Amino acid sequence: MSLTNDRVKQRVIEKFGEQVTAFSEPYGMLTFEAPKEMNLKVLNFLYDDEELKFRFLTDLQAVHYPDEKGRELAVVYHLHNLVDNVRIRFKVFTDISTPDVYTATGLFSGANWMERETYDFFGVNFVGHPNLKRILNVDEMDYFPLRKEYPLEDQTRIDKDDEMFGRG
């Protein structure tokens, strides 16, 4: 029997019940959320379950949603079952004032650099990470450049022609 999104969803709900939410399938990829305190429990279950076997972390990144109070930062895990060739997306949300999420480095070695990059650009503090420090930006940088806290461009500039940028 081939592993399907419906079967993955069923197994996750059997294990965690109403704690896992927001199931959807954008572009055919099963996506769901859990509270940030449960990220390791969910990741361990997806890894250890003999039917699911999500043992490859394809990607880990963050997204900043400045208008969602209390859920400003999302940590997004892309997992892959290499046996059945099934991919899923798992999200946890955190408050930007306390962006603490447990590290996944104990389960996925590749999470080490991905979490450092996510910390570097979004400021997510991966609790328990063995070496959480900036990886691409300079150490002196006191902000996180991929947060949507700054305007994209100076709206008062008069030295450019909007028609050159497809506006006007």
N, C-alpha and C. Protein backbone atom coordinates (compact mmCIF):
# COMPACT_ATOMS: atom_id res chain seq x y z
N MET A 1 0.84 -1.19 0.00
CA MET A 1 0.00 0.00 0.00
C MET A 1 0.88 1.25 0.00
N SER A 2 0.62 2.15 -0.90
CA SER A 2 1.38 3.38 -1.02
C SER A 2 0.88 4.40 0.02
N LEU A 3 1.80 5.17 0.55
CA LEU A 3 1.47 6.19 1.55
C LEU A 3 0.82 7.39 0.86
N THR A 4 -0.33 7.82 1.39
CA THR A 4 -1.05 8.96 0.82
C THR A 4 -1.14 10.08 1.85
N ASN A 5 -1.49 11.27 1.38
CA ASN A 5 -1.69 12.40 2.29
C ASN A 5 -2.79 12.10 3.30
N ASP A 6 -3.85 11.44 2.86
CA ASP A 6 -4.95 11.10 3.77
C ASP A 6 -4.48 10.17 4.88
N ARG A 7 -3.62 9.21 4.53
CA ARG A 7 -3.12 8.28 5.54
C ARG A 7 -2.18 8.98 6.52
N VAL A 8 -1.33 9.88 6.03
CA VAL A 8 -0.44 10.65 6.90
C VAL A 8 -1.28 11.48 7.86
N LYS A 9 -2.28 12.16 7.34
CA LYS A 9 -3.17 12.98 8.17
C LYS A 9 -3.85 12.12 9.23
N GLN A 10 -4.35 10.97 8.83
CA GLN A 10 -5.03 10.06 9.76
C GLN A 10 -4.08 9.63 10.88
N ARG A 11 -2.86 9.24 10.56
CA ARG A 11 -1.89 8.79 11.57
C ARG A 11 -1.53 9.92 12.53
N VAL A 12 -1.35 11.13 12.00
CA VAL A 12 -0.99 12.27 12.85
C VAL A 12 -2.14 12.61 13.78
N ILE A 13 -3.37 12.58 13.29
CA ILE A 13 -4.53 12.87 14.13
C ILE A 13 -4.73 11.77 15.17
N GLU A 14 -4.50 10.52 14.79
CA GLU A 14 -4.60 9.42 15.76
C GLU A 14 -3.65 9.64 16.92
N LYS A 15 -2.47 10.13 16.63
CA LYS A 15 -1.45 10.32 17.67
C LYS A 15 -1.66 11.58 18.49
N PHE A 16 -2.00 12.70 17.84
CA PHE A 16 -2.01 13.99 18.52
C PHE A 16 -3.39 14.62 18.65
N GLY A 17 -4.40 14.06 18.03
CA GLY A 17 -5.77 14.56 18.17
C GLY A 17 -5.93 15.99 17.69
N GLU A 18 -6.60 16.79 18.50
CA GLU A 18 -6.92 18.17 18.12
C GLU A 18 -5.75 19.13 18.29
N GLN A 19 -4.61 18.62 18.75
CA GLN A 19 -3.45 19.49 18.90
C GLN A 19 -2.82 19.83 17.55
N VAL A 20 -3.06 19.00 16.54
CA VAL A 20 -2.60 19.31 15.19
C VAL A 20 -3.77 19.89 14.41
N THR A 21 -3.53 20.98 13.70
CA THR A 21 -4.62 21.71 13.06
C THR A 21 -4.21 22.20 11.68
N ALA A 22 -5.12 22.94 11.07
CA ALA A 22 -4.89 23.66 9.81
C ALA A 22 -4.38 22.75 8.70
N PHE A 23 -4.99 21.60 8.55
CA PHE A 23 -4.61 20.69 7.47
C PHE A 23 -5.05 21.27 6.14
N SER A 24 -4.14 21.26 5.17
CA SER A 24 -4.47 21.68 3.82
C SER A 24 -3.51 20.96 2.88
N GLU A 25 -3.76 21.11 1.58
CA GLU A 25 -2.90 20.46 0.58
C GLU A 25 -2.57 21.40 -0.57
N PRO A 26 -1.86 22.51 -0.29
CA PRO A 26 -1.49 23.39 -1.41
C PRO A 26 -0.53 22.67 -2.36
N TYR A 27 -0.89 22.69 -3.63
CA TYR A 27 -0.10 22.03 -4.68
C TYR A 27 0.15 20.55 -4.37
N GLY A 28 -0.79 19.93 -3.66
CA GLY A 28 -0.71 18.50 -3.38
C GLY A 28 0.17 18.12 -2.21
N MET A 29 0.78 19.10 -1.53
CA MET A 29 1.65 18.80 -0.39
C MET A 29 0.87 18.97 0.91
N LEU A 30 0.74 17.90 1.68
CA LEU A 30 0.05 17.97 2.96
C LEU A 30 0.77 18.95 3.87
N THR A 31 0.00 19.86 4.46
CA THR A 31 0.53 20.90 5.34
C THR A 31 -0.31 20.93 6.60
N PHE A 32 0.34 21.05 7.75
CA PHE A 32 -0.41 21.15 9.01
C PHE A 32 0.42 21.88 10.05
N GLU A 33 -0.24 22.26 11.16
CA GLU A 33 0.38 23.02 12.24
C GLU A 33 0.25 22.27 13.55
N ALA A 34 1.14 22.62 14.48
CA ALA A 34 1.05 22.16 15.86
C ALA A 34 1.61 23.27 16.73
N PRO A 35 1.28 23.27 18.03
CA PRO A 35 1.88 24.27 18.92
C PRO A 35 3.40 24.12 18.96
N LYS A 36 4.09 25.22 19.15
CA LYS A 36 5.56 25.19 19.08
C LYS A 36 6.17 24.29 20.15
N GLU A 37 5.50 24.11 21.27
CA GLU A 37 6.01 23.26 22.33
C GLU A 37 6.02 21.79 21.91
N MET A 38 5.28 21.46 20.86
CA MET A 38 5.16 20.07 20.41
C MET A 38 6.01 19.76 19.18
N ASN A 39 6.82 20.70 18.72
CA ASN A 39 7.52 20.46 17.46
C ASN A 39 8.37 19.20 17.50
N LEU A 40 9.09 18.95 18.59
CA LEU A 40 9.93 17.75 18.65
C LEU A 40 9.11 16.47 18.76
N LYS A 41 7.99 16.53 19.48
CA LYS A 41 7.14 15.34 19.58
C LYS A 41 6.60 14.95 18.21
N VAL A 42 6.14 15.94 17.47
CA VAL A 42 5.60 15.67 16.14
C VAL A 42 6.70 15.19 15.20
N LEU A 43 7.84 15.88 15.20
CA LEU A 43 8.95 15.48 14.33
C LEU A 43 9.44 14.07 14.66
N ASN A 44 9.55 13.76 15.95
CA ASN A 44 9.97 12.41 16.34
C ASN A 44 8.97 11.35 15.89
N PHE A 45 7.69 11.65 16.03
CA PHE A 45 6.67 10.70 15.58
C PHE A 45 6.75 10.48 14.08
N LEU A 46 6.86 11.57 13.31
CA LEU A 46 6.94 11.45 11.85
C LEU A 46 8.19 10.67 11.43
N TYR A 47 9.26 10.80 12.19
CA TYR A 47 10.51 10.10 11.89
C TYR A 47 10.43 8.63 12.29
N ASP A 48 9.96 8.34 13.50
CA ASP A 48 10.02 6.99 14.07
C ASP A 48 8.91 6.06 13.60
N ASP A 49 7.75 6.60 13.23
CA ASP A 49 6.63 5.75 12.86
C ASP A 49 7.01 4.88 11.66
N GLU A 50 6.82 3.58 11.79
CA GLU A 50 7.24 2.63 10.75
C GLU A 50 6.45 2.76 9.45
N GLU A 51 5.29 3.35 9.52
CA GLU A 51 4.50 3.56 8.30
C GLU A 51 4.85 4.89 7.63
N LEU A 52 5.10 5.92 8.45
CA LEU A 52 5.33 7.26 7.90
C LEU A 52 6.75 7.46 7.40
N LYS A 53 7.75 7.18 8.20
CA LYS A 53 9.16 7.21 7.81
C LYS A 53 9.62 8.53 7.17
N PHE A 54 9.26 9.67 7.77
CA PHE A 54 9.75 10.95 7.27
C PHE A 54 11.11 11.20 7.89
N ARG A 55 12.15 10.67 7.25
CA ARG A 55 13.48 10.66 7.84
C ARG A 55 14.47 11.58 7.13
N PHE A 56 13.96 12.44 6.26
CA PHE A 56 14.84 13.38 5.58
C PHE A 56 14.26 14.79 5.71
N LEU A 57 15.04 15.68 6.29
CA LEU A 57 14.66 17.08 6.41
C LEU A 57 15.14 17.80 5.16
N THR A 58 14.20 18.10 4.26
CA THR A 58 14.54 18.76 3.01
C THR A 58 14.90 20.22 3.25
N ASP A 59 14.12 20.88 4.09
CA ASP A 59 14.35 22.30 4.32
C ASP A 59 13.72 22.71 5.63
N LEU A 60 14.27 23.76 6.21
CA LEU A 60 13.74 24.37 7.42
C LEU A 60 13.95 25.86 7.25
N GLN A 61 12.91 26.64 7.42
CA GLN A 61 13.02 28.09 7.28
C GLN A 61 11.93 28.75 8.10
N ALA A 62 11.93 30.07 8.10
CA ALA A 62 10.91 30.83 8.81
C ALA A 62 10.19 31.75 7.84
N VAL A 63 9.03 32.22 8.29
CA VAL A 63 8.25 33.21 7.55
C VAL A 63 7.76 34.22 8.58
N HIS A 64 7.84 35.49 8.24
CA HIS A 64 7.38 36.54 9.15
C HIS A 64 6.00 37.03 8.70
N TYR A 65 5.03 36.92 9.60
CA TYR A 65 3.68 37.41 9.37
C TYR A 65 3.43 38.55 10.36
N PRO A 66 3.81 39.78 10.02
CA PRO A 66 3.74 40.87 11.00
C PRO A 66 2.33 41.22 11.46
N ASP A 67 1.31 40.87 10.72
CA ASP A 67 -0.06 41.22 11.09
C ASP A 67 -0.75 40.17 11.96
N GLU A 68 -0.10 39.05 12.22
CA GLU A 68 -0.71 38.00 13.04
C GLU A 68 -0.14 38.06 14.45
N LYS A 69 -0.80 38.82 15.32
CA LYS A 69 -0.32 39.03 16.68
C LYS A 69 -0.23 37.72 17.44
N GLY A 70 0.92 37.49 18.06
CA GLY A 70 1.14 36.27 18.82
C GLY A 70 1.59 35.09 17.96
N ARG A 71 1.52 35.25 16.65
CA ARG A 71 1.93 34.21 15.69
C ARG A 71 2.74 34.84 14.56
N GLU A 72 3.61 35.76 14.93
CA GLU A 72 4.32 36.52 13.90
C GLU A 72 5.34 35.69 13.12
N LEU A 73 5.98 34.75 13.79
CA LEU A 73 6.99 33.94 13.12
C LEU A 73 6.54 32.50 12.99
N ALA A 74 6.66 31.96 11.79
CA ALA A 74 6.37 30.55 11.55
C ALA A 74 7.68 29.85 11.22
N VAL A 75 7.94 28.72 11.89
CA VAL A 75 9.06 27.87 11.51
C VAL A 75 8.45 26.74 10.68
N VAL A 76 8.96 26.57 9.48
CA VAL A 76 8.38 25.63 8.52
C VAL A 76 9.39 24.52 8.23
N TYR A 77 8.94 23.27 8.46
CA TYR A 77 9.76 22.10 8.18
C TYR A 77 9.22 21.41 6.94
N HIS A 78 10.08 21.10 5.99
CA HIS A 78 9.70 20.29 4.83
C HIS A 78 10.37 18.93 5.02
N LEU A 79 9.54 17.90 5.10
CA LEU A 79 10.03 16.55 5.36
C LEU A 79 9.74 15.64 4.18
N HIS A 80 10.59 14.63 4.00
CA HIS A 80 10.45 13.74 2.85
C HIS A 80 10.58 12.29 3.30
N ASN A 81 9.63 11.48 2.90
CA ASN A 81 9.71 10.03 3.06
C ASN A 81 10.32 9.52 1.76
N LEU A 82 11.57 9.09 1.82
CA LEU A 82 12.29 8.69 0.61
C LEU A 82 11.84 7.34 0.09
N VAL A 83 11.26 6.50 0.94
CA VAL A 83 10.81 5.17 0.52
C VAL A 83 9.57 5.28 -0.37
N ASP A 84 8.57 6.05 0.09
CA ASP A 84 7.32 6.20 -0.65
C ASP A 84 7.28 7.47 -1.49
N ASN A 85 8.35 8.27 -1.43
CA ASN A 85 8.44 9.54 -2.17
C ASN A 85 7.27 10.46 -1.86
N VAL A 86 7.06 10.71 -0.56
CA VAL A 86 6.00 11.60 -0.10
C VAL A 86 6.64 12.75 0.65
N ARG A 87 6.16 13.96 0.38
CA ARG A 87 6.66 15.16 1.06
C ARG A 87 5.53 15.81 1.85
N ILE A 88 5.89 16.37 3.00
CA ILE A 88 4.91 17.11 3.80
C ILE A 88 5.54 18.39 4.31
N ARG A 89 4.68 19.30 4.74
CA ARG A 89 5.10 20.58 5.32
C ARG A 89 4.47 20.66 6.71
N PHE A 90 5.31 20.95 7.70
CA PHE A 90 4.87 21.05 9.10
C PHE A 90 5.27 22.42 9.63
N LYS A 91 4.31 23.13 10.27
CA LYS A 91 4.56 24.49 10.73
C LYS A 91 4.32 24.62 12.23
N VAL A 92 5.14 25.44 12.86
CA VAL A 92 4.88 25.88 14.22
C VAL A 92 5.01 27.41 14.23
N PHE A 93 4.14 28.06 14.99
CA PHE A 93 4.13 29.52 15.06
C PHE A 93 4.59 29.96 16.44
N THR A 94 5.25 31.12 16.48
CA THR A 94 5.73 31.67 17.74
C THR A 94 5.57 33.18 17.75
N ASP A 95 5.50 33.71 18.94
CA ASP A 95 5.42 35.15 19.15
C ASP A 95 6.80 35.76 18.87
N ILE A 96 6.82 36.89 18.23
CA ILE A 96 8.10 37.52 17.86
C ILE A 96 8.85 38.02 19.09
N SER A 97 8.16 38.28 20.20
CA SER A 97 8.84 38.75 21.40
C SER A 97 9.55 37.62 22.14
N THR A 98 9.09 36.39 21.98
CA THR A 98 9.76 35.21 22.56
C THR A 98 9.84 34.13 21.49
N PRO A 99 10.74 34.28 20.54
CA PRO A 99 10.79 33.36 19.41
C PRO A 99 11.56 32.07 19.70
N ASP A 100 11.19 31.38 20.78
CA ASP A 100 11.88 30.17 21.19
C ASP A 100 11.20 28.93 20.63
N VAL A 101 11.97 28.11 19.91
CA VAL A 101 11.49 26.85 19.35
C VAL A 101 12.58 25.81 19.62
N TYR A 102 12.19 24.61 20.01
CA TYR A 102 13.18 23.56 20.29
C TYR A 102 13.93 23.16 19.02
N THR A 103 15.22 22.93 19.17
CA THR A 103 16.05 22.55 18.03
C THR A 103 15.74 21.13 17.56
N ALA A 104 15.89 20.91 16.27
CA ALA A 104 15.70 19.58 15.68
C ALA A 104 17.03 18.93 15.34
N THR A 105 18.13 19.50 15.84
CA THR A 105 19.45 18.97 15.50
C THR A 105 19.70 17.57 16.06
N GLY A 106 19.02 17.20 17.13
CA GLY A 106 19.18 15.85 17.68
C GLY A 106 18.58 14.79 16.78
N LEU A 107 17.63 15.17 15.95
CA LEU A 107 16.95 14.24 15.05
C LEU A 107 17.52 14.32 13.63
N PHE A 108 17.77 15.52 13.17
CA PHE A 108 18.28 15.74 11.81
C PHE A 108 19.59 16.53 11.89
N SER A 109 20.69 15.94 11.51
CA SER A 109 21.97 16.65 11.54
C SER A 109 21.95 17.87 10.63
N GLY A 110 21.25 17.77 9.51
CA GLY A 110 21.17 18.88 8.57
C GLY A 110 20.45 20.09 9.12
N ALA A 111 19.72 19.93 10.22
CA ALA A 111 19.01 21.05 10.81
C ALA A 111 19.99 22.07 11.40
N ASN A 112 21.20 21.64 11.69
CA ASN A 112 22.18 22.51 12.32
C ASN A 112 22.36 23.81 11.55
N TRP A 113 22.76 23.74 10.30
CA TRP A 113 23.01 24.94 9.51
C TRP A 113 21.71 25.64 9.14
N MET A 114 20.67 24.87 8.89
CA MET A 114 19.39 25.49 8.53
C MET A 114 18.85 26.32 9.69
N GLU A 115 18.99 25.83 10.91
CA GLU A 115 18.53 26.60 12.07
C GLU A 115 19.41 27.82 12.30
N ARG A 116 20.70 27.69 12.05
CA ARG A 116 21.58 28.86 12.18
C ARG A 116 21.20 29.94 11.17
N GLU A 117 20.90 29.53 9.96
CA GLU A 117 20.49 30.50 8.93
C GLU A 117 19.16 31.14 9.31
N THR A 118 18.23 30.35 9.81
CA THR A 118 16.92 30.87 10.22
C THR A 118 17.07 31.84 11.39
N TYR A 119 17.94 31.51 12.31
CA TYR A 119 18.23 32.45 13.41
C TYR A 119 18.84 33.74 12.84
N ASP A 120 19.79 33.60 11.96
CA ASP A 120 20.51 34.73 11.39
C ASP A 120 19.58 35.72 10.69
N PHE A 121 18.62 35.22 9.95
CA PHE A 121 17.76 36.10 9.15
C PHE A 121 16.43 36.46 9.81
N PHE A 122 15.92 35.62 10.72
CA PHE A 122 14.62 35.88 11.32
C PHE A 122 14.65 36.03 12.84
N GLY A 123 15.73 35.60 13.50
CA GLY A 123 15.83 35.73 14.94
C GLY A 123 15.14 34.64 15.73
N VAL A 124 14.85 33.51 15.12
CA VAL A 124 14.24 32.40 15.86
C VAL A 124 15.33 31.78 16.74
N ASN A 125 15.05 31.69 18.04
CA ASN A 125 16.00 31.11 18.99
C ASN A 125 15.72 29.62 19.12
N PHE A 126 16.59 28.81 18.55
CA PHE A 126 16.41 27.35 18.61
C PHE A 126 17.02 26.84 19.91
N VAL A 127 16.16 26.59 20.88
CA VAL A 127 16.57 26.18 22.21
C VAL A 127 17.24 24.82 22.15
N GLY A 128 18.47 24.73 22.69
CA GLY A 128 19.22 23.49 22.70
C GLY A 128 20.15 23.32 21.51
N HIS A 129 20.17 24.28 20.62
CA HIS A 129 21.06 24.19 19.45
C HIS A 129 22.51 24.21 19.92
N PRO A 130 23.39 23.36 19.37
CA PRO A 130 24.76 23.28 19.86
C PRO A 130 25.65 24.48 19.54
N ASN A 131 25.28 25.30 18.55
CA ASN A 131 26.16 26.41 18.14
C ASN A 131 25.35 27.49 17.45
N LEU A 132 24.35 28.02 18.13
CA LEU A 132 23.45 28.99 17.50
C LEU A 132 24.10 30.37 17.46
N LYS A 133 24.70 30.67 16.31
CA LYS A 133 25.28 31.99 16.09
C LYS A 133 25.12 32.32 14.61
N ARG A 134 25.35 33.57 14.28
CA ARG A 134 25.17 34.01 12.89
C ARG A 134 26.06 33.19 11.96
N ILE A 135 25.52 32.92 10.78
CA ILE A 135 26.25 32.08 9.83
C ILE A 135 26.56 32.82 8.53
N LEU A 136 25.72 33.78 8.13
CA LEU A 136 25.94 34.51 6.88
C LEU A 136 26.12 36.01 7.08
N ASN A 137 25.47 36.56 8.10
CA ASN A 137 25.59 38.00 8.37
C ASN A 137 26.70 38.25 9.39
N VAL A 138 27.14 39.49 9.48
CA VAL A 138 28.21 39.83 10.42
C VAL A 138 27.70 39.75 11.86
N ASP A 139 28.57 39.39 12.77
CA ASP A 139 28.19 39.22 14.17
C ASP A 139 27.66 40.51 14.79
N GLU A 140 28.12 41.66 14.31
CA GLU A 140 27.72 42.94 14.89
C GLU A 140 26.30 43.36 14.50
N MET A 141 25.70 42.67 13.55
CA MET A 141 24.37 43.03 13.09
C MET A 141 23.38 42.88 14.25
N ASP A 142 22.61 43.92 14.53
CA ASP A 142 21.70 43.89 15.67
C ASP A 142 20.23 43.81 15.25
N TYR A 143 19.99 43.35 14.04
CA TYR A 143 18.63 43.16 13.56
C TYR A 143 18.60 41.91 12.69
N PHE A 144 17.39 41.51 12.29
CA PHE A 144 17.21 40.30 11.49
C PHE A 144 16.61 40.71 10.15
N PRO A 145 17.41 40.69 9.08
CA PRO A 145 17.06 41.36 7.84
C PRO A 145 15.86 40.83 7.07
N LEU A 146 15.40 39.60 7.30
CA LEU A 146 14.26 39.12 6.53
C LEU A 146 12.92 39.30 7.24
N ARG A 147 12.95 39.92 8.40
CA ARG A 147 11.68 40.30 9.03
C ARG A 147 11.11 41.49 8.26
N LYS A 148 9.81 41.56 8.20
CA LYS A 148 9.15 42.62 7.44
C LYS A 148 8.93 43.84 8.34
N GLU A 149 10.01 44.34 8.89
CA GLU A 149 9.94 45.48 9.80
C GLU A 149 10.36 46.79 9.15
N TYR A 150 10.80 46.71 7.93
CA TYR A 150 11.32 47.89 7.24
C TYR A 150 10.62 48.02 5.88
N PRO A 151 10.41 49.26 5.42
CA PRO A 151 9.80 49.42 4.09
C PRO A 151 10.74 48.90 3.01
N LEU A 152 10.16 48.43 1.92
CA LEU A 152 10.96 47.89 0.84
C LEU A 152 11.81 48.96 0.15
N GLU A 153 11.29 50.18 0.09
CA GLU A 153 12.05 51.26 -0.53
C GLU A 153 11.60 52.58 0.08
N ASP A 154 12.42 53.56 -0.09
CA ASP A 154 12.11 54.89 0.42
C ASP A 154 11.06 55.54 -0.48
N GLN A 155 9.88 55.75 0.07
CA GLN A 155 8.78 56.29 -0.72
C GLN A 155 8.95 57.78 -1.05
N THR A 156 9.91 58.45 -0.42
CA THR A 156 10.10 59.89 -0.67
C THR A 156 11.15 60.17 -1.73
N ARG A 157 11.74 59.13 -2.31
CA ARG A 157 12.80 59.34 -3.32
C ARG A 157 12.22 60.04 -4.56
N ILE A 158 12.97 61.00 -5.07
CA ILE A 158 12.55 61.70 -6.28
C ILE A 158 13.55 61.51 -7.41
N ASP A 159 14.61 60.74 -7.17
CA ASP A 159 15.67 60.57 -8.16
C ASP A 159 15.45 59.36 -9.08
N LYS A 160 14.28 58.81 -9.07
CA LYS A 160 14.03 57.67 -9.96
C LYS A 160 12.70 57.86 -10.67
N ASP A 161 12.60 57.27 -11.81
CA ASP A 161 11.41 57.37 -12.64
C ASP A 161 10.60 56.07 -12.47
N ASP A 162 9.39 56.17 -11.93
CA ASP A 162 8.56 54.99 -11.68
C ASP A 162 8.28 54.19 -12.94
N GLU A 163 8.28 54.84 -14.10
CA GLU A 163 8.04 54.12 -15.34
C GLU A 163 9.13 53.10 -15.63
N MET A 164 10.33 53.34 -15.12
CA MET A 164 11.44 52.40 -15.29
C MET A 164 11.19 51.10 -14.50
N PHE A 165 10.31 51.16 -13.54
CA PHE A 165 10.03 50.03 -12.67
C PHE A 165 8.62 49.44 -12.91
N GLY A 166 8.04 49.80 -14.05
CA GLY A 166 6.72 49.26 -14.40
C GLY A 166 5.59 49.88 -13.61
N ARG A 167 5.79 51.03 -13.02
CA ARG A 167 4.75 51.71 -12.24
C ARG A 167 4.57 53.11 -12.82
N GLY A 168 3.50 53.32 -13.47
CA GLY A 168 3.30 54.69 -13.93
C GLY A 168 2.81 54.73 -15.26
